[in-house]
Structures are given as C-alpha cells and as structure tokens.
C-alpha cells in the first residue's frame, strides 16, 4: 500500500497544479493541446488499468458490505 500513498500524493500534486493551470487565462489554448491532454490521460488509464480496476472493485465491495448494515 506504500506505492498507493506515493501515487496518491503525486496525483494530488498534479490535480492542484491543473487547478492553477485552468484558473489562469488560457484563451490561446487550442484543439491540439486539448487532444494531447486527452491522449496522455487515456495512456495513463491504459497503463494503470489493472490497479484502477482493483481499486474500484475494492471500493464497491466495501460500499456494498456497509450498505447491508444500514
């Protein structure tokens, strides 16, 4: 789980960076830049597909178990 903490910290830093990036005046941002961002995101999802699937299944199983208690 140590790797997940590192990944989570890295993602949180990137999210904060993206918030500042999008908050700035990006009137000149074009279609090519948006497409490149989408390609990078899709690539990350493909690379970490199994880890993302495990994480989502774990979360949903916990939700299901706790929902049965209510």
N, C-alpha and C. Protein backbone atom coordinates (compact mmCIF):
# COMPACT_ATOMS: atom_id res chain seq x y z
N UNK A 1 0.82 -1.20 0.00
CA UNK A 1 0.00 0.00 0.00
C UNK A 1 0.86 1.26 0.00
N UNK A 2 2.13 1.11 0.27
CA UNK A 2 3.03 2.26 0.27
C UNK A 2 3.06 2.91 -1.11
N UNK A 3 3.03 2.10 -2.16
CA UNK A 3 3.05 2.64 -3.51
C UNK A 3 1.80 3.47 -3.78
N UNK A 4 0.65 3.04 -3.22
CA UNK A 4 -0.58 3.80 -3.43
C UNK A 4 -0.51 5.17 -2.77
N UNK A 5 0.17 5.26 -1.61
CA UNK A 5 0.34 6.56 -0.96
C UNK A 5 1.19 7.48 -1.83
N UNK A 6 2.25 6.93 -2.42
CA UNK A 6 3.09 7.73 -3.30
C UNK A 6 2.32 8.18 -4.53
N UNK A 7 1.57 7.26 -5.11
CA UNK A 7 0.78 7.58 -6.30
C UNK A 7 -0.27 8.64 -5.95
N UNK A 8 -0.93 8.46 -4.80
CA UNK A 8 -1.96 9.41 -4.39
C UNK A 8 -1.36 10.80 -4.17
N UNK A 9 -0.22 10.87 -3.51
CA UNK A 9 0.42 12.17 -3.29
C UNK A 9 0.81 12.82 -4.61
N UNK A 10 1.32 12.01 -5.54
CA UNK A 10 1.70 12.55 -6.84
C UNK A 10 0.48 13.08 -7.58
N UNK A 11 -0.62 12.31 -7.55
CA UNK A 11 -1.84 12.71 -8.24
C UNK A 11 -2.41 13.98 -7.61
N UNK A 12 -2.39 14.06 -6.28
CA UNK A 12 -2.90 15.25 -5.61
C UNK A 12 -2.10 16.49 -6.01
N UNK A 13 -0.78 16.36 -6.10
CA UNK A 13 0.05 17.48 -6.53
C UNK A 13 -0.30 17.89 -7.96
N UNK A 14 -0.51 16.89 -8.82
CA UNK A 14 -0.84 17.19 -10.21
C UNK A 14 -2.22 17.84 -10.32
N UNK A 15 -3.18 17.38 -9.52
CA UNK A 15 -4.52 17.97 -9.55
C UNK A 15 -4.46 19.43 -9.13
N UNK A 16 -3.70 19.71 -8.07
CA UNK A 16 -3.55 21.10 -7.63
C UNK A 16 -2.90 21.93 -8.73
N UNK A 17 -1.90 21.37 -9.38
CA UNK A 17 -1.25 22.06 -10.49
C UNK A 17 -2.21 22.33 -11.64
N UNK A 18 -3.05 21.33 -11.94
CA UNK A 18 -4.03 21.51 -13.01
C UNK A 18 -5.05 22.57 -12.65
N UNK A 19 -5.45 22.66 -11.38
CA UNK A 19 -6.41 23.69 -10.97
C UNK A 19 -5.84 25.08 -11.23
N UNK A 20 -4.56 25.27 -10.87
CA UNK A 20 -3.93 26.56 -11.12
C UNK A 20 -3.79 26.81 -12.62
N UNK A 21 -3.47 25.76 -13.36
CA UNK A 21 -3.31 25.90 -14.81
C UNK A 21 -4.62 26.34 -15.46
N UNK A 22 -5.74 25.69 -15.08
CA UNK A 22 -7.02 26.02 -15.69
C UNK A 22 -7.56 27.35 -15.19
N UNK A 23 -7.13 27.79 -14.00
CA UNK A 23 -7.61 29.05 -13.46
C UNK A 23 -6.99 30.25 -14.19
N UNK A 24 -5.83 30.05 -14.76
CA UNK A 24 -5.17 31.13 -15.48
C UNK A 24 -5.91 31.43 -16.77
N UNK A 25 -5.54 32.54 -17.39
CA UNK A 25 -6.14 32.92 -18.66
C UNK A 25 -5.55 32.06 -19.77
N UNK A 26 -6.30 31.13 -20.27
CA UNK A 26 -5.85 30.22 -21.33
C UNK A 26 -6.64 30.43 -22.60
N UNK A 27 -6.83 31.69 -22.95
CA UNK A 27 -7.62 32.00 -24.14
C UNK A 27 -6.97 31.45 -25.40
N UNK A 28 -5.64 31.30 -25.42
CA UNK A 28 -4.93 30.84 -26.60
C UNK A 28 -4.82 29.33 -26.69
N UNK A 29 -5.44 28.62 -25.78
CA UNK A 29 -5.32 27.16 -25.79
C UNK A 29 -6.13 26.60 -26.95
N UNK A 30 -5.48 25.77 -27.74
CA UNK A 30 -6.12 25.28 -28.94
C UNK A 30 -6.52 23.83 -28.86
N UNK A 31 -7.03 23.35 -29.96
CA UNK A 31 -7.52 21.98 -30.06
C UNK A 31 -6.39 20.97 -29.89
N UNK A 32 -5.23 21.28 -30.43
CA UNK A 32 -4.10 20.35 -30.35
C UNK A 32 -3.71 20.10 -28.91
N UNK A 33 -3.67 21.14 -28.10
CA UNK A 33 -3.31 20.99 -26.69
C UNK A 33 -4.33 20.14 -25.96
N UNK A 34 -5.61 20.37 -26.22
CA UNK A 34 -6.66 19.59 -25.57
C UNK A 34 -6.55 18.12 -25.97
N UNK A 35 -6.32 17.86 -27.24
CA UNK A 35 -6.18 16.48 -27.72
C UNK A 35 -4.97 15.81 -27.07
N UNK A 36 -3.86 16.52 -26.94
CA UNK A 36 -2.68 15.95 -26.29
C UNK A 36 -2.96 15.60 -24.83
N UNK A 37 -3.67 16.46 -24.13
CA UNK A 37 -4.02 16.18 -22.74
C UNK A 37 -4.89 14.93 -22.66
N UNK A 38 -5.86 14.81 -23.54
CA UNK A 38 -6.74 13.63 -23.55
C UNK A 38 -5.94 12.37 -23.85
N UNK A 39 -5.01 12.44 -24.80
CA UNK A 39 -4.19 11.28 -25.15
C UNK A 39 -3.35 10.84 -23.95
N UNK A 40 -2.77 11.79 -23.24
CA UNK A 40 -1.96 11.45 -22.06
C UNK A 40 -2.83 10.80 -20.99
N UNK A 41 -4.02 11.33 -20.75
CA UNK A 41 -4.91 10.76 -19.74
C UNK A 41 -5.33 9.33 -20.12
N UNK A 42 -5.65 9.12 -21.38
CA UNK A 42 -6.03 7.78 -21.84
C UNK A 42 -4.85 6.83 -21.69
N UNK A 43 -3.65 7.30 -21.99
CA UNK A 43 -2.46 6.47 -21.82
C UNK A 43 -2.24 6.06 -20.38
N UNK A 44 -2.44 7.00 -19.46
CA UNK A 44 -2.30 6.70 -18.03
C UNK A 44 -3.32 5.65 -17.61
N UNK A 45 -4.55 5.80 -18.08
CA UNK A 45 -5.59 4.82 -17.74
C UNK A 45 -5.23 3.44 -18.28
N UNK A 46 -4.70 3.38 -19.48
CA UNK A 46 -4.33 2.09 -20.06
C UNK A 46 -3.18 1.46 -19.27
N UNK A 47 -2.21 2.27 -18.88
CA UNK A 47 -1.06 1.74 -18.14
C UNK A 47 -1.48 1.20 -16.78
N UNK A 48 -2.35 1.94 -16.08
CA UNK A 48 -2.75 1.57 -14.73
C UNK A 48 -4.12 0.91 -14.67
N UNK A 49 -4.55 0.29 -15.76
CA UNK A 49 -5.88 -0.29 -15.83
C UNK A 49 -6.13 -1.32 -14.74
N UNK A 50 -5.21 -2.25 -14.53
CA UNK A 50 -5.44 -3.30 -13.54
C UNK A 50 -5.49 -2.72 -12.13
N UNK A 51 -4.62 -1.77 -11.82
CA UNK A 51 -4.64 -1.15 -10.49
C UNK A 51 -5.92 -0.37 -10.27
N UNK A 52 -6.38 0.35 -11.28
CA UNK A 52 -7.62 1.12 -11.17
C UNK A 52 -8.80 0.18 -10.98
N UNK A 53 -8.81 -0.93 -11.73
CA UNK A 53 -9.90 -1.90 -11.61
C UNK A 53 -9.93 -2.50 -10.20
N UNK A 54 -8.78 -2.88 -9.67
CA UNK A 54 -8.73 -3.42 -8.31
C UNK A 54 -9.23 -2.41 -7.29
N UNK A 55 -8.81 -1.18 -7.44
CA UNK A 55 -9.21 -0.13 -6.50
C UNK A 55 -10.72 0.09 -6.54
N UNK A 56 -11.29 0.18 -7.73
CA UNK A 56 -12.73 0.41 -7.87
C UNK A 56 -13.51 -0.78 -7.32
N UNK A 57 -13.07 -2.00 -7.62
CA UNK A 57 -13.76 -3.19 -7.10
C UNK A 57 -13.70 -3.23 -5.58
N UNK A 58 -12.57 -2.85 -5.02
CA UNK A 58 -12.42 -2.82 -3.56
C UNK A 58 -13.37 -1.80 -2.94
N UNK A 59 -13.44 -0.64 -3.55
CA UNK A 59 -14.32 0.42 -3.04
C UNK A 59 -15.78 -0.02 -3.11
N UNK A 60 -16.18 -0.59 -4.23
CA UNK A 60 -17.57 -1.01 -4.37
C UNK A 60 -17.92 -2.17 -3.44
N UNK A 61 -16.97 -3.06 -3.19
CA UNK A 61 -17.25 -4.15 -2.26
C UNK A 61 -17.43 -3.62 -0.84
N UNK A 62 -16.63 -2.64 -0.45
CA UNK A 62 -16.78 -2.02 0.87
C UNK A 62 -18.12 -1.30 0.97
N UNK A 63 -18.50 -0.60 -0.09
CA UNK A 63 -19.79 0.12 -0.10
C UNK A 63 -20.92 -0.88 0.05
N UNK A 64 -20.85 -1.98 -0.69
CA UNK A 64 -21.90 -2.99 -0.63
C UNK A 64 -22.01 -3.60 0.76
N UNK A 65 -20.86 -3.95 1.36
CA UNK A 65 -20.88 -4.54 2.70
C UNK A 65 -21.46 -3.56 3.73
N UNK A 66 -21.09 -2.29 3.64
CA UNK A 66 -21.56 -1.31 4.60
C UNK A 66 -23.01 -0.92 4.35
N UNK A 67 -23.45 -1.00 3.11
CA UNK A 67 -24.85 -0.70 2.79
C UNK A 67 -25.78 -1.76 3.37
N UNK A 68 -25.31 -2.99 3.44
CA UNK A 68 -26.12 -4.06 4.01
C UNK A 68 -26.32 -3.90 5.51
N UNK A 69 -25.41 -3.18 6.15
CA UNK A 69 -25.51 -2.94 7.60
C UNK A 69 -26.57 -1.88 7.93
N UNK A 70 -26.84 -1.01 6.98
CA UNK A 70 -27.76 0.10 7.24
C UNK A 70 -29.19 -0.34 7.25
